[in-house]
Each structure stands twice: as structure tokens, then as C-alpha cells.
């Protein structure tokens, strides 16, 4: 999606509550909280001049939000396209409502959560949702994500899922799919995306040596469930708190000296924040 606005995307965490406890997700140390529709509408109005695309995700499961359809209507009102990331467990219950939302552009389904709950009908729910989407007059893009490769086990624990995908969509994925960096097209609007597992940065982690570039504050920002604005979607506990959007206008937050310093340092491939110095995603 091309845009002349400042950010290519902004992450908005409408809730940090989740219905799973996955090992690959670092624990949330913040108070559990769900945004009200009024709070989200306030955010949407403020960020619309800065982006055309929002991701309803940082931590938490967005499909748990009791007023998700109203939030998606707010996005439509403010002309914000939406990418939504989910573990997929609730698609059979709320999936039909997603098809009614003109603002919804893409749904990312984290299939690696299958290893956590081992629910027998989980993949069948996903396939049914995919089939319903493909039959829609205006289908959304769906990305089936396997972001749990370790590099040591090849396809490893994903073999069960890969076999199921091959059977359902009549494809031969082969053993080299991790080397194929582009998304693998499975249907008209359906893709399989794979990647290595990543580590959520924490202040307790060891310092990382060397210079690196980060798109934080240049390509993206994130807004957590309590309104905390942070430069990066990986700052899941709001360690780099730039301000609170419920207390300050987003434009004022982005003009702060701290924001300018972070941007200037990243322009020279130097991290200035302690959390950034410990980040593996570079």
C-alpha cells in the first residue's frame, strides 16, 4: 500500500488479553486492558493524518474484543485500512462479522499457535474460514503464518501443519520452503508465509554489538492498550514510552526531543535506547 503519509503502518493494540499462553510470546507485564470504542475512535482520528494502514495487534488476541465490529466501523469512518493478526481460534465464532467490514484488508493467522493448544478441529476451522473468504464478493487477503523456524530442525514441528496444507490446497511445498522468501500463493487471496522465530527484546537481555538500522519512528509506531506510544511493535511492554495518546496529541508526542534523538541516531545506524541495544530483530 503506497502512501504519502509519514508512516507506512501504525500498530494499535486494542487489547493485551489473549486466549492462549504461547511460549514464543513473552509475558505481558502490563495491566491487562481492553480499549473502549470511544478510546479507539479517539486514536483513529488522531493517527489518520499520519498513516493509511493500521495493524490491530501488538500483544493480545483482537478477536476477543467485545466490540470489534464497531472498531472496524471506526476505521472505515477514518479511512484506515486494517490488517488484523489472530491465532484463529475464534474465527468460527466471529469470522462472519469480519466479512462485513469494508475497512478490513488482510487477516494474518498465526498457525504456529497450533503447537500450544492441539485442538483437533483447529485447522478445519481455518480452512472453513478461508473457503468462505474465497467465495466472498470482495475477499480479504489471508496470510497463514509459520513464524517458528529455529534453523536447527528444518520444517521440524511444522510438518503436521505443512502436510495438512498440502492436502487441503493440493500443493507440493517441498523441503526448501524456508529458502523461498516470498509468500507462497495457495489461492486467489491466500498466502503461506514462513520465517524464523524471533525473540521479543527485553531490558534483561545481553547487549548486542554492532550498528544497525531500524524502521521505528520512520516506518511505524505502536500504540498499546493503555495509550502508550512506542517506536516499535516489538516493545510489547512499553519500555520506550514516548507519551500517552489519551493525554497528549500524537503530533506533539512525535515532535518531542526523545523522538528526534531516536530518529537521528537510527539515521546513523546507532541505537540510543537501552531496549534497542538488546534487540535481535535488525
Protein backbone atom coordinates (compact mmCIF):
# COMPACT_ATOMS: atom_id res chain seq x y z
CA UNK A 1 0.00 0.00 0.00
CA UNK A 2 1.58 3.26 -1.13
CA UNK A 3 1.05 6.39 0.93
CA UNK A 4 2.47 9.89 1.15
CA UNK A 5 1.75 9.97 4.85
CA UNK A 6 4.54 9.74 7.40
CA UNK A 7 4.12 6.12 8.48
CA UNK A 8 3.55 3.09 6.29
CA UNK A 9 1.70 1.47 9.20
CA UNK A 10 0.74 2.02 12.81
CA UNK A 11 0.13 -0.82 15.24
CA UNK A 12 -2.83 -0.38 17.61
CA UNK A 13 -3.24 -2.91 20.40
CA UNK A 14 -6.98 -2.91 21.11
CA UNK A 15 -6.50 -5.44 23.92
CA UNK A 16 -3.49 -7.12 25.52
CA UNK A 17 -5.60 -10.05 26.70
CA UNK A 18 -5.13 -13.40 24.95
CA UNK A 19 -6.87 -16.77 24.98
CA UNK A 20 -3.55 -18.65 24.72
CA UNK A 21 -0.23 -18.62 26.53
CA UNK A 22 2.33 -19.39 23.84
CA UNK A 23 5.98 -19.97 24.62
CA UNK A 24 7.08 -17.79 21.69
CA UNK A 25 5.24 -14.76 23.14
CA UNK A 26 6.98 -13.01 26.02
CA UNK A 27 4.70 -12.48 29.03
CA UNK A 28 2.82 -9.18 29.29
CA UNK A 29 3.92 -7.37 32.45
CA UNK A 30 1.43 -4.54 31.95
CA UNK A 31 -2.05 -4.48 33.48
CA UNK A 32 -4.48 -6.37 31.27
CA UNK A 33 -6.68 -3.88 29.47
CA UNK A 34 -9.16 -3.61 26.60
CA UNK A 35 -9.69 -0.31 24.81
CA UNK A 36 -13.16 1.15 24.73
CA UNK A 37 -14.65 2.01 21.35
CA UNK A 38 -14.51 5.70 22.29
CA UNK A 39 -10.81 5.42 23.11
CA UNK A 40 -10.10 3.67 19.83
CA UNK A 41 -12.10 6.25 17.87
CA UNK A 42 -10.02 9.00 19.52
CA UNK A 43 -6.84 7.22 18.41
CA UNK A 44 -8.14 6.58 14.89
CA UNK A 45 -8.99 10.26 14.44
CA UNK A 46 -5.52 11.31 15.59
CA UNK A 47 -3.48 8.84 13.53
CA UNK A 48 -5.45 9.09 10.26
CA UNK A 49 -3.34 12.06 9.06
CA UNK A 50 -0.18 10.00 9.68
CA UNK A 51 -1.00 6.66 8.00
CA UNK A 52 -3.43 4.82 5.75
CA UNK A 53 -2.86 1.39 7.32
CA UNK A 54 -3.17 0.09 10.86
CA UNK A 55 -2.39 -3.32 12.34
CA UNK A 56 -4.73 -4.39 15.13
CA UNK A 57 -2.02 -6.17 17.05
CA UNK A 58 0.96 -5.91 19.33
CA UNK A 59 0.11 -8.40 22.05
CA UNK A 60 -3.26 -9.96 22.80
CA UNK A 61 -5.94 -11.52 20.63
CA UNK A 62 -8.01 -8.86 18.79
CA UNK A 63 -10.91 -11.24 18.15
CA UNK A 64 -11.54 -11.27 21.91
CA UNK A 65 -12.59 -7.61 21.78
CA UNK A 66 -16.35 -7.48 22.54
CA UNK A 67 -16.91 -4.56 20.14
CA UNK A 68 -14.60 -5.48 17.27
CA UNK A 69 -17.20 -4.70 14.60
CA UNK A 70 -17.62 -1.16 15.99
CA UNK A 71 -13.85 -0.69 15.96
CA UNK A 72 -13.72 -1.78 12.32
CA UNK A 73 -16.52 0.68 11.53
CA UNK A 74 -14.46 3.43 13.16
CA UNK A 75 -11.57 2.50 10.86
CA UNK A 76 -13.89 2.84 7.88
CA UNK A 77 -15.05 6.26 9.11
CA UNK A 78 -11.47 7.47 9.37
CA UNK A 79 -10.42 5.84 6.07
CA UNK A 80 -7.97 3.45 7.69
CA UNK A 81 -7.30 0.08 6.07
CA UNK A 82 -6.84 -2.73 8.59
CA UNK A 83 -4.52 -5.71 8.85
CA UNK A 84 -5.56 -7.98 11.71
CA UNK A 85 -3.39 -10.66 13.33
CA UNK A 86 -5.06 -13.54 15.15
CA UNK A 87 -4.33 -17.05 16.38
CA UNK A 88 -7.54 -18.07 14.60
CA UNK A 89 -9.24 -19.86 17.49
CA UNK A 90 -12.30 -17.60 17.39
CA UNK A 91 -12.76 -17.36 13.62
CA UNK A 92 -15.64 -19.84 13.64
CA UNK A 93 -17.49 -17.58 16.13
CA UNK A 94 -16.75 -14.07 14.88
CA UNK A 95 -15.38 -14.64 11.39
CA UNK A 96 -18.65 -13.84 9.62
CA UNK A 97 -18.60 -10.34 11.09
CA UNK A 98 -15.19 -9.72 9.55
CA UNK A 99 -16.64 -10.10 6.05
CA UNK A 100 -18.99 -7.18 6.76
CA UNK A 101 -16.14 -4.75 7.46
CA UNK A 102 -15.10 -2.75 4.37
CA UNK A 103 -12.02 -1.48 6.23
CA UNK A 104 -10.54 -4.95 6.72
CA UNK A 105 -7.76 -5.52 4.17
CA UNK A 106 -5.82 -8.55 5.43
CA UNK A 107 -6.06 -11.24 8.08
CA UNK A 108 -2.86 -12.83 9.38
CA UNK A 109 -3.42 -16.21 11.04
CA UNK A 110 -0.58 -17.45 13.27
CA UNK A 111 -0.69 -21.19 12.63
CA UNK A 112 2.29 -21.80 14.91
CA UNK A 113 -0.11 -21.48 17.85
CA UNK A 114 -1.39 -24.98 16.92
CA UNK A 115 1.54 -26.44 18.86
CA UNK A 116 0.16 -24.85 22.05
CA UNK A 117 -3.45 -25.98 22.19
CA UNK A 118 -3.57 -29.09 19.95
CA UNK A 119 -7.25 -28.53 19.25
CA UNK A 120 -8.30 -31.21 16.79
CA UNK A 121 -10.71 -29.11 14.75
CA UNK A 122 -8.47 -26.03 14.72
CA UNK A 123 -7.25 -26.39 11.14
CA UNK A 124 -10.74 -27.33 9.94
CA UNK A 125 -11.99 -24.01 11.33
CA UNK A 126 -9.23 -22.19 9.46
CA UNK A 127 -9.95 -24.00 6.19
CA UNK A 128 -13.68 -23.22 6.51
CA UNK A 129 -12.92 -19.54 7.07
CA UNK A 130 -10.54 -19.49 4.09
CA UNK A 131 -13.17 -21.12 1.88
CA UNK A 132 -15.81 -18.60 2.99
CA UNK A 133 -13.42 -15.75 2.26
CA UNK A 134 -12.59 -17.04 -1.21
CA UNK A 135 -16.31 -17.18 -2.02
CA UNK A 136 -16.92 -13.59 -0.89
CA UNK A 137 -17.60 -10.93 -3.50
CA UNK A 138 -14.73 -8.89 -2.06
CA UNK A 139 -12.33 -11.36 -0.45
CA UNK A 140 -9.68 -10.20 2.01
CA UNK A 141 -6.07 -11.25 1.80
CA UNK A 142 -5.24 -14.04 4.22
CA UNK A 143 -1.70 -14.83 5.33
CA UNK A 144 -1.16 -18.20 7.00
CA UNK A 145 1.92 -17.63 9.17
CA UNK A 146 4.50 -20.09 10.37
CA UNK A 147 6.97 -17.89 12.23
CA UNK A 148 8.58 -20.56 14.38
CA UNK A 149 11.54 -21.98 12.49
CA UNK A 150 14.68 -22.42 14.60
CA UNK A 151 17.19 -23.19 11.87
CA UNK A 152 18.10 -26.48 13.54
CA UNK A 153 15.02 -28.56 12.82
CA UNK A 154 14.26 -27.68 9.19
CA UNK A 155 10.49 -27.91 8.90
CA UNK A 156 10.53 -29.68 12.26
CA UNK A 157 7.38 -29.20 14.33
CA UNK A 158 5.62 -27.67 11.32
CA UNK A 159 5.48 -30.95 9.43
CA UNK A 160 1.96 -31.73 10.63
CA UNK A 161 0.71 -28.32 9.52
CA UNK A 162 2.57 -28.41 6.21
CA UNK A 163 1.13 -31.84 5.43
CA UNK A 164 -2.36 -30.54 6.19
CA UNK A 165 -1.83 -27.50 3.94
CA UNK A 166 -0.57 -29.67 1.10
CA UNK A 167 -3.61 -31.94 1.42
CA UNK A 168 -6.17 -29.13 1.73
CA UNK A 169 -4.88 -26.93 -1.08
CA UNK A 170 -3.41 -29.67 -3.29
CA UNK A 171 0.11 -28.20 -3.40
CA UNK A 172 3.61 -29.60 -3.00
CA UNK A 173 5.54 -27.28 -0.71
CA UNK A 174 8.82 -29.20 -0.80
CA UNK A 175 11.52 -29.20 1.85
CA UNK A 176 13.10 -25.87 0.89
CA UNK A 177 10.18 -23.54 1.65
CA UNK A 178 12.17 -21.52 4.18
CA UNK A 179 14.60 -20.54 1.45
CA UNK A 180 11.73 -19.21 -0.67
CA UNK A 181 11.42 -15.81 0.93
CA UNK A 182 8.35 -14.69 -0.97
CA UNK A 183 4.90 -15.73 0.16
CA UNK A 184 3.66 -18.98 -1.37
CA UNK A 185 0.34 -18.44 -3.10
CA UNK A 186 -2.26 -21.05 -2.16
CA UNK A 187 -5.39 -19.33 -3.52
CA UNK A 188 -6.56 -16.14 -5.18
CA UNK A 189 -6.15 -14.17 -1.93
CA UNK A 190 -4.40 -16.77 0.23
CA UNK A 191 -0.69 -16.99 1.03
CA UNK A 192 1.62 -19.02 3.25
CA UNK A 193 4.41 -17.02 4.89
CA UNK A 194 7.28 -18.58 6.84
CA UNK A 195 10.04 -17.11 8.95
CA UNK A 196 12.46 -17.90 11.73
CA UNK A 197 11.30 -17.50 15.31
CA UNK A 198 12.25 -14.14 16.80
CA UNK A 199 12.95 -13.11 20.37
CA UNK A 200 10.98 -10.26 21.90
CA UNK A 201 13.54 -7.74 23.18
CA UNK A 202 13.81 -7.30 26.94
CA UNK A 203 15.93 -4.97 29.07
CA UNK A 204 17.28 -8.06 30.86
CA UNK A 205 18.82 -9.40 27.61
CA UNK A 206 22.50 -9.04 26.78
CA UNK A 207 23.69 -6.05 24.78
CA UNK A 208 24.01 -6.62 21.03
CA UNK A 209 27.18 -5.40 19.36
CA UNK A 210 27.34 -3.52 16.08
CA UNK A 211 25.41 -0.85 14.23
CA UNK A 212 22.03 -1.47 12.63
CA UNK A 213 19.11 0.34 11.06
CA UNK A 214 15.60 0.21 12.49
CA UNK A 215 12.37 1.43 10.86
CA UNK A 216 10.91 2.51 14.21
CA UNK A 217 9.54 6.08 14.10
CA UNK A 218 10.34 6.18 10.38
CA UNK A 219 8.14 3.40 9.01
CA UNK A 220 5.99 2.58 12.04
CA UNK A 221 4.96 3.26 15.61
CA UNK A 222 2.86 1.25 18.04
CA UNK A 223 0.10 2.30 20.43
CA UNK A 224 -0.56 -0.05 23.34
CA UNK A 225 -3.88 -0.78 25.02
CA UNK A 226 -3.35 1.87 27.69
CA UNK A 227 -2.49 4.53 25.10
CA UNK A 228 1.29 4.28 25.45
CA UNK A 229 3.04 5.31 22.23
CA UNK A 230 6.28 3.46 21.46
CA UNK A 231 8.51 3.43 18.36
CA UNK A 232 8.24 -0.28 17.71
CA UNK A 233 5.74 -3.14 17.61
CA UNK A 234 8.28 -5.32 19.48
CA UNK A 235 8.26 -3.04 22.52
CA UNK A 236 5.37 -5.04 23.92
CA UNK A 237 5.66 -3.69 27.47
CA UNK A 238 6.05 -0.03 26.55
CA UNK A 239 9.62 0.31 27.81
CA UNK A 240 10.27 3.18 25.35
CA UNK A 241 7.26 5.26 26.36
CA UNK A 242 7.15 8.33 24.15
CA UNK A 243 3.89 9.57 25.64
CA UNK A 244 0.26 8.65 26.24
CA UNK A 245 -2.09 9.36 23.34
CA UNK A 246 -5.01 9.80 25.76
CA UNK A 247 -3.10 12.63 27.46
CA UNK A 248 -1.16 14.22 24.56
CA UNK A 249 -1.87 14.71 20.87
CA UNK A 250 0.07 12.29 18.70
CA UNK A 251 1.56 15.19 16.72
CA UNK A 252 3.03 16.68 19.91
CA UNK A 253 4.42 13.31 21.00
CA UNK A 254 6.20 12.84 17.67
CA UNK A 255 7.79 16.30 17.94
CA UNK A 256 9.41 15.52 21.29
CA UNK A 257 13.17 15.69 21.77
CA UNK A 258 13.27 11.96 22.56
CA UNK A 259 11.64 11.09 19.23
CA UNK A 260 14.02 13.36 17.33
CA UNK A 261 17.04 11.79 19.06
CA UNK A 262 15.90 8.24 18.29
CA UNK A 263 15.38 9.12 14.62
CA UNK A 264 18.71 10.92 14.31
CA UNK A 265 20.63 8.05 15.89
CA UNK A 266 18.95 5.40 13.73
CA UNK A 267 19.79 7.51 10.67
CA UNK A 268 23.41 6.84 11.65
CA UNK A 269 22.66 3.15 12.33
CA UNK A 270 23.12 3.64 16.06
CA UNK A 271 20.58 2.56 18.70
CA UNK A 272 20.21 5.05 21.53
CA UNK A 273 17.54 3.37 23.66
CA UNK A 274 18.58 0.58 26.03
CA UNK A 275 15.89 -1.78 24.72
CA UNK A 276 17.02 -1.20 21.12
CA UNK A 277 20.59 -2.12 22.09
CA UNK A 278 19.28 -5.54 23.10
CA UNK A 279 17.08 -6.24 20.08
CA UNK A 280 17.75 -9.24 17.81
CA UNK A 281 15.38 -8.07 15.04
CA UNK A 282 17.76 -5.99 12.99
